[in-house]
N, C-alpha and C. Protein backbone atom coordinates (compact mmCIF):
# COMPACT_ATOMS: atom_id res chain seq x y z
N UNK A 1 22.45 6.99 -14.04
CA UNK A 1 21.60 6.21 -13.19
C UNK A 1 21.97 6.25 -11.70
N UNK A 2 21.13 6.98 -11.07
CA UNK A 2 21.56 6.75 -9.61
C UNK A 2 20.63 6.02 -8.77
N UNK A 3 20.96 5.11 -8.18
CA UNK A 3 20.36 4.00 -7.51
C UNK A 3 20.08 4.59 -5.89
N UNK A 4 18.92 4.81 -5.51
CA UNK A 4 19.11 5.22 -4.21
C UNK A 4 19.16 4.22 -3.01
N UNK A 5 18.56 3.04 -3.32
CA UNK A 5 18.18 1.97 -2.51
C UNK A 5 18.18 0.90 -3.09
N UNK A 6 18.53 -0.28 -2.54
CA UNK A 6 18.68 -1.55 -3.39
C UNK A 6 18.03 -2.59 -2.01
N UNK A 7 16.93 -3.41 -2.12
CA UNK A 7 16.56 -4.14 -1.02
C UNK A 7 15.96 -5.67 -1.45
N UNK A 8 16.11 -6.78 -0.91
CA UNK A 8 15.52 -8.06 -1.19
C UNK A 8 14.35 -8.17 -0.43
N UNK A 9 13.42 -9.17 -1.30
CA UNK A 9 12.16 -9.74 -0.24
C UNK A 9 13.10 -10.79 0.37
N UNK A 10 12.28 -11.89 0.67
CA UNK A 10 12.79 -13.18 1.41
C UNK A 10 13.74 -13.63 0.41
N UNK A 11 14.67 -14.07 0.84
CA UNK A 11 15.78 -14.98 0.02
C UNK A 11 15.75 -16.26 0.40
N UNK A 12 15.31 -17.15 -0.66
CA UNK A 12 14.94 -18.55 -0.59
C UNK A 12 15.82 -19.59 -1.27
N UNK A 13 16.00 -20.65 -0.93
CA UNK A 13 16.71 -21.73 -1.84
C UNK A 13 15.60 -22.66 -2.46
N UNK A 14 15.82 -22.76 -3.92
CA UNK A 14 15.15 -23.73 -4.45
C UNK A 14 15.59 -24.94 -4.80
N UNK A 15 15.66 -26.15 -4.27
CA UNK A 15 16.54 -27.22 -4.25
C UNK A 15 16.15 -27.94 -5.73
N UNK A 16 15.38 -27.61 -6.48
CA UNK A 16 15.03 -28.24 -7.71
C UNK A 16 16.17 -27.62 -8.79
N UNK A 17 16.27 -26.52 -8.73
CA UNK A 17 17.27 -25.60 -9.26
C UNK A 17 18.89 -25.71 -8.84
N UNK A 18 18.76 -26.01 -7.42
CA UNK A 18 20.01 -25.69 -6.63
C UNK A 18 20.44 -24.34 -6.99
N UNK A 19 19.49 -23.26 -6.80
CA UNK A 19 19.82 -21.86 -6.81
C UNK A 19 19.16 -21.21 -5.52
N UNK A 20 19.38 -20.00 -5.38
CA UNK A 20 18.80 -19.09 -4.47
C UNK A 20 18.24 -18.01 -5.17
N UNK A 21 17.03 -17.64 -4.69
CA UNK A 21 16.16 -16.80 -5.43
C UNK A 21 15.68 -15.58 -4.41
N UNK A 22 15.27 -14.61 -5.04
CA UNK A 22 14.63 -13.42 -4.30
C UNK A 22 14.02 -12.36 -5.33
N UNK A 23 13.30 -11.45 -4.78
CA UNK A 23 12.78 -10.36 -5.78
C UNK A 23 13.62 -9.25 -5.23
N UNK A 24 14.40 -8.73 -6.15
CA UNK A 24 15.26 -7.38 -5.73
C UNK A 24 14.27 -6.29 -6.12
N UNK A 25 14.24 -5.16 -5.08
CA UNK A 25 13.74 -3.76 -5.43
C UNK A 25 14.99 -3.11 -5.75
N UNK A 26 14.90 -2.17 -6.45
CA UNK A 26 15.75 -0.91 -6.57
C UNK A 26 14.84 0.29 -6.83
N UNK A 27 15.28 1.14 -6.04
CA UNK A 27 14.69 2.57 -5.78
C UNK A 27 15.40 3.56 -6.77
N UNK A 28 14.69 4.05 -7.66
CA UNK A 28 15.58 5.12 -8.66
C UNK A 28 14.54 6.39 -8.90
N UNK A 29 15.11 7.71 -8.77
CA UNK A 29 14.40 8.80 -9.19
C UNK A 29 12.95 8.83 -8.65
N UNK A 30 12.69 8.01 -7.25
CA UNK A 30 11.41 8.08 -6.69
C UNK A 30 10.29 7.02 -7.12
N UNK A 31 11.22 6.03 -7.81
CA UNK A 31 10.26 4.80 -8.35
C UNK A 31 10.82 3.84 -7.88
N UNK A 32 10.00 2.64 -7.60
CA UNK A 32 10.58 1.35 -6.92
C UNK A 32 10.57 0.34 -8.31
N UNK A 33 11.54 -0.19 -8.51
CA UNK A 33 11.42 -1.63 -9.71
C UNK A 33 11.89 -2.89 -8.83
N UNK A 34 10.95 -3.64 -9.49
CA UNK A 34 11.24 -5.17 -8.78
C UNK A 34 11.71 -6.24 -9.80
N UNK A 35 12.79 -7.14 -9.51
CA UNK A 35 13.30 -8.01 -10.46
C UNK A 35 13.21 -9.17 -10.01
N UNK A 36 12.80 -10.46 -10.34
CA UNK A 36 13.00 -11.55 -9.59
C UNK A 36 14.11 -12.22 -10.19
N UNK A 37 15.06 -12.67 -9.40
CA UNK A 37 16.36 -13.02 -9.78
C UNK A 37 16.98 -14.30 -9.08
N UNK A 38 17.68 -15.14 -9.87
CA UNK A 38 18.32 -16.43 -9.02
C UNK A 38 19.78 -16.43 -9.43
N UNK A 39 20.48 -17.36 -8.57
CA UNK A 39 21.82 -17.52 -8.41
C UNK A 39 22.14 -19.00 -8.27
N UNK A 40 22.80 -19.55 -9.29
CA UNK A 40 22.86 -21.10 -8.74
C UNK A 40 24.18 -21.14 -7.64
N UNK A 41 23.79 -21.69 -6.62
CA UNK A 41 24.89 -22.11 -5.52
C UNK A 41 24.37 -22.92 -4.64
N UNK A 42 25.22 -23.63 -3.96
CA UNK A 42 24.85 -24.93 -3.27
C UNK A 42 24.21 -24.06 -1.89
N UNK A 43 23.65 -24.82 -1.23
CA UNK A 43 22.70 -24.74 -0.06
C UNK A 43 23.68 -23.97 1.14
N UNK A 44 24.82 -24.40 1.20
CA UNK A 44 25.98 -24.01 2.16
C UNK A 44 26.71 -22.72 1.77
N UNK A 45 26.66 -22.06 0.82
CA UNK A 45 27.17 -20.95 0.13
C UNK A 45 27.02 -19.90 1.10
N UNK A 46 28.00 -19.07 1.32
CA UNK A 46 28.15 -17.42 2.11
C UNK A 46 27.03 -16.70 1.87
N UNK A 47 26.36 -15.89 2.70
CA UNK A 47 25.33 -15.10 2.59
C UNK A 47 25.66 -14.08 1.54
N UNK A 48 27.05 -13.67 1.97
CA UNK A 48 27.47 -12.35 1.04
C UNK A 48 27.94 -12.62 -0.16
N UNK A 49 28.28 -13.82 -0.33
CA UNK A 49 28.37 -14.33 -1.92
C UNK A 49 27.11 -14.37 -2.59
N UNK A 50 26.02 -14.93 -2.06
CA UNK A 50 24.62 -14.87 -2.45
C UNK A 50 24.03 -13.45 -2.72
N UNK A 51 24.33 -12.76 -1.54
CA UNK A 51 23.68 -11.15 -1.78
C UNK A 51 24.29 -10.44 -2.80
N UNK A 52 25.74 -10.67 -3.02
CA UNK A 52 26.41 -10.04 -4.23
C UNK A 52 25.73 -10.63 -5.46
N UNK A 53 25.83 -11.92 -5.76
CA UNK A 53 25.40 -12.38 -7.06
C UNK A 53 23.75 -11.82 -7.28
N UNK A 54 23.10 -12.15 -6.31
CA UNK A 54 21.57 -11.49 -6.69
C UNK A 54 21.72 -10.08 -7.03
N UNK A 55 22.22 -9.38 -6.19
CA UNK A 55 22.44 -8.00 -6.51
C UNK A 55 22.72 -7.82 -8.04
N UNK A 56 24.16 -8.37 -8.33
CA UNK A 56 24.49 -8.13 -9.76
C UNK A 56 23.58 -8.55 -10.94
N UNK A 57 22.96 -9.49 -10.65
CA UNK A 57 21.90 -10.00 -11.51
C UNK A 57 20.56 -8.94 -11.67
N UNK A 58 20.36 -8.71 -10.59
CA UNK A 58 19.01 -7.42 -10.53
C UNK A 58 19.76 -6.10 -11.28
N UNK A 59 20.88 -5.73 -10.85
CA UNK A 59 21.16 -4.60 -11.72
C UNK A 59 21.37 -4.61 -12.79
N UNK A 60 22.17 -5.64 -13.25
CA UNK A 60 22.21 -6.18 -14.94
C UNK A 60 21.00 -5.96 -15.57
N UNK A 61 19.90 -6.64 -15.04
CA UNK A 61 18.42 -6.50 -15.41
C UNK A 61 18.05 -5.10 -15.45
N UNK A 62 18.28 -4.23 -14.56
CA UNK A 62 17.81 -3.04 -14.55
C UNK A 62 18.36 -1.96 -15.66
N UNK A 63 19.82 -2.26 -15.94
CA UNK A 63 20.36 -1.78 -16.59
C UNK A 63 20.08 -1.78 -18.04
N UNK A 64 19.80 -3.14 -18.49
CA UNK A 64 19.68 -3.32 -19.79
C UNK A 64 18.51 -4.10 -20.15
N UNK A 65 17.36 -3.40 -19.28
CA UNK A 65 16.18 -3.80 -19.69
C UNK A 65 15.97 -3.46 -21.15
N UNK A 66 15.22 -4.40 -22.07
CA UNK A 66 15.19 -4.02 -23.37
C UNK A 66 14.04 -2.94 -23.80
N UNK A 67 13.27 -2.95 -22.97
CA UNK A 67 12.22 -1.63 -23.15
C UNK A 67 12.12 -1.08 -21.81
N UNK A 68 12.81 -0.08 -21.39
CA UNK A 68 12.58 0.38 -19.97
C UNK A 68 10.92 0.48 -19.41
N UNK A 69 9.87 0.46 -20.35
CA UNK A 69 8.73 0.46 -20.04
C UNK A 69 7.98 -0.66 -19.39
N UNK A 70 8.75 -1.73 -19.75
CA UNK A 70 8.46 -3.23 -19.45
C UNK A 70 8.97 -3.19 -17.98
N UNK A 71 9.66 -2.54 -17.44
CA UNK A 71 10.10 -2.94 -15.78
C UNK A 71 8.70 -3.28 -15.03
N UNK A 72 8.99 -3.91 -14.08
CA UNK A 72 7.99 -4.02 -12.94
C UNK A 72 7.90 -2.84 -11.95
N UNK A 73 7.20 -2.04 -12.02
CA UNK A 73 7.38 -0.59 -11.39
C UNK A 73 6.11 -0.76 -10.10
N UNK A 74 6.67 -0.29 -8.96
CA UNK A 74 5.81 -0.49 -7.87
C UNK A 74 5.92 1.05 -7.32
N UNK A 75 4.68 1.05 -6.63
CA UNK A 75 4.26 2.65 -6.07
C UNK A 75 5.01 2.44 -4.80
N UNK A 76 6.00 3.51 -4.39
CA UNK A 76 6.80 3.40 -3.00
C UNK A 76 5.92 3.91 -2.19
N UNK A 77 6.05 3.51 -1.22
CA UNK A 77 5.09 3.72 0.24
C UNK A 77 5.47 5.15 0.55
N UNK A 78 4.91 6.12 0.85
CA UNK A 78 5.45 7.51 1.57
C UNK A 78 5.60 7.31 2.90
N UNK A 79 6.53 7.71 3.24
CA UNK A 79 6.84 8.04 4.68
C UNK A 79 7.04 6.69 5.40
N UNK A 80 7.08 6.93 6.82
CA UNK A 80 7.25 5.62 7.60
C UNK A 80 5.93 5.21 8.60
N UNK A 81 5.79 3.93 8.77
CA UNK A 81 4.56 3.56 9.51
C UNK A 81 4.85 4.32 10.92
N UNK A 82 3.59 4.72 11.17
CA UNK A 82 3.37 5.40 12.61
C UNK A 82 4.16 4.45 13.98
N UNK A 83 4.88 4.98 14.62
CA UNK A 83 5.44 4.26 16.01
C UNK A 83 4.54 3.71 16.90
N UNK A 84 3.44 4.57 16.87
CA UNK A 84 2.28 3.80 17.94
C UNK A 84 0.90 4.18 17.38
N UNK A 85 0.36 3.39 17.68
CA UNK A 85 -1.26 3.26 17.10
C UNK A 85 -2.11 3.71 18.30
N UNK A 86 -2.95 4.74 17.90
CA UNK A 86 -4.01 5.06 18.67
C UNK A 86 -5.04 3.79 18.92
N UNK A 87 -5.71 3.80 20.17
CA UNK A 87 -6.80 2.80 20.28
C UNK A 87 -7.82 2.78 19.32
N UNK A 88 -8.31 3.68 18.75
CA UNK A 88 -9.30 3.99 17.96
C UNK A 88 -8.72 3.38 16.57
N UNK A 89 -7.65 3.47 16.24
CA UNK A 89 -7.05 2.97 14.82
C UNK A 89 -7.17 1.47 14.78
N UNK A 90 -7.03 0.80 16.12
CA UNK A 90 -7.26 -0.63 16.17
C UNK A 90 -8.51 -1.31 15.96
N UNK A 91 -9.52 -0.38 16.03
CA UNK A 91 -10.86 -0.81 16.05
C UNK A 91 -11.35 -0.58 14.58
N UNK A 92 -12.02 -2.02 14.11
CA UNK A 92 -13.01 -1.75 12.91
C UNK A 92 -14.20 -1.43 13.01
N UNK A 93 -14.96 -0.74 12.42
CA UNK A 93 -16.35 -0.45 12.71
C UNK A 93 -17.26 -1.87 12.93
N UNK A 94 -18.06 -1.41 14.10
CA UNK A 94 -18.70 -2.87 14.38
C UNK A 94 -17.72 -4.06 15.09
N UNK A 95 -16.86 -3.71 15.80
CA UNK A 95 -16.05 -4.77 16.16
C UNK A 95 -15.25 -4.38 17.47
N UNK A 96 -14.91 -5.12 18.34
CA UNK A 96 -14.19 -5.08 19.50
C UNK A 96 -12.87 -4.52 19.21
N UNK A 97 -12.20 -3.75 20.16
CA UNK A 97 -10.71 -3.00 20.22
C UNK A 97 -9.76 -4.38 19.89
N UNK A 98 -8.74 -4.53 19.05
CA UNK A 98 -7.90 -5.48 18.94
C UNK A 98 -7.07 -5.65 20.27
N UNK A 99 -6.68 -6.90 20.68
CA UNK A 99 -5.67 -6.92 21.83
C UNK A 99 -4.25 -6.56 21.54
């Protein structure tokens, strides 16, 4: 298993559970897998500790998925977004140019 990249969606604190939560994406062999994970920690915990905990839980879920076909698989976005947009790209049919 070669993980090419790992990323977090918004990391948020859930005061009801006293836990940090995030959706962690793992890129492997051209596929993106998403895992919702949480980690019990106080609100003032260091981000490095939180990031490691969320990463470990996502990797554990990725490695030990009972049936690998059950994973939440997302389609990767090909390439990068264009650096600049032409004015014609900012216009919808029948509307004015966006500011």
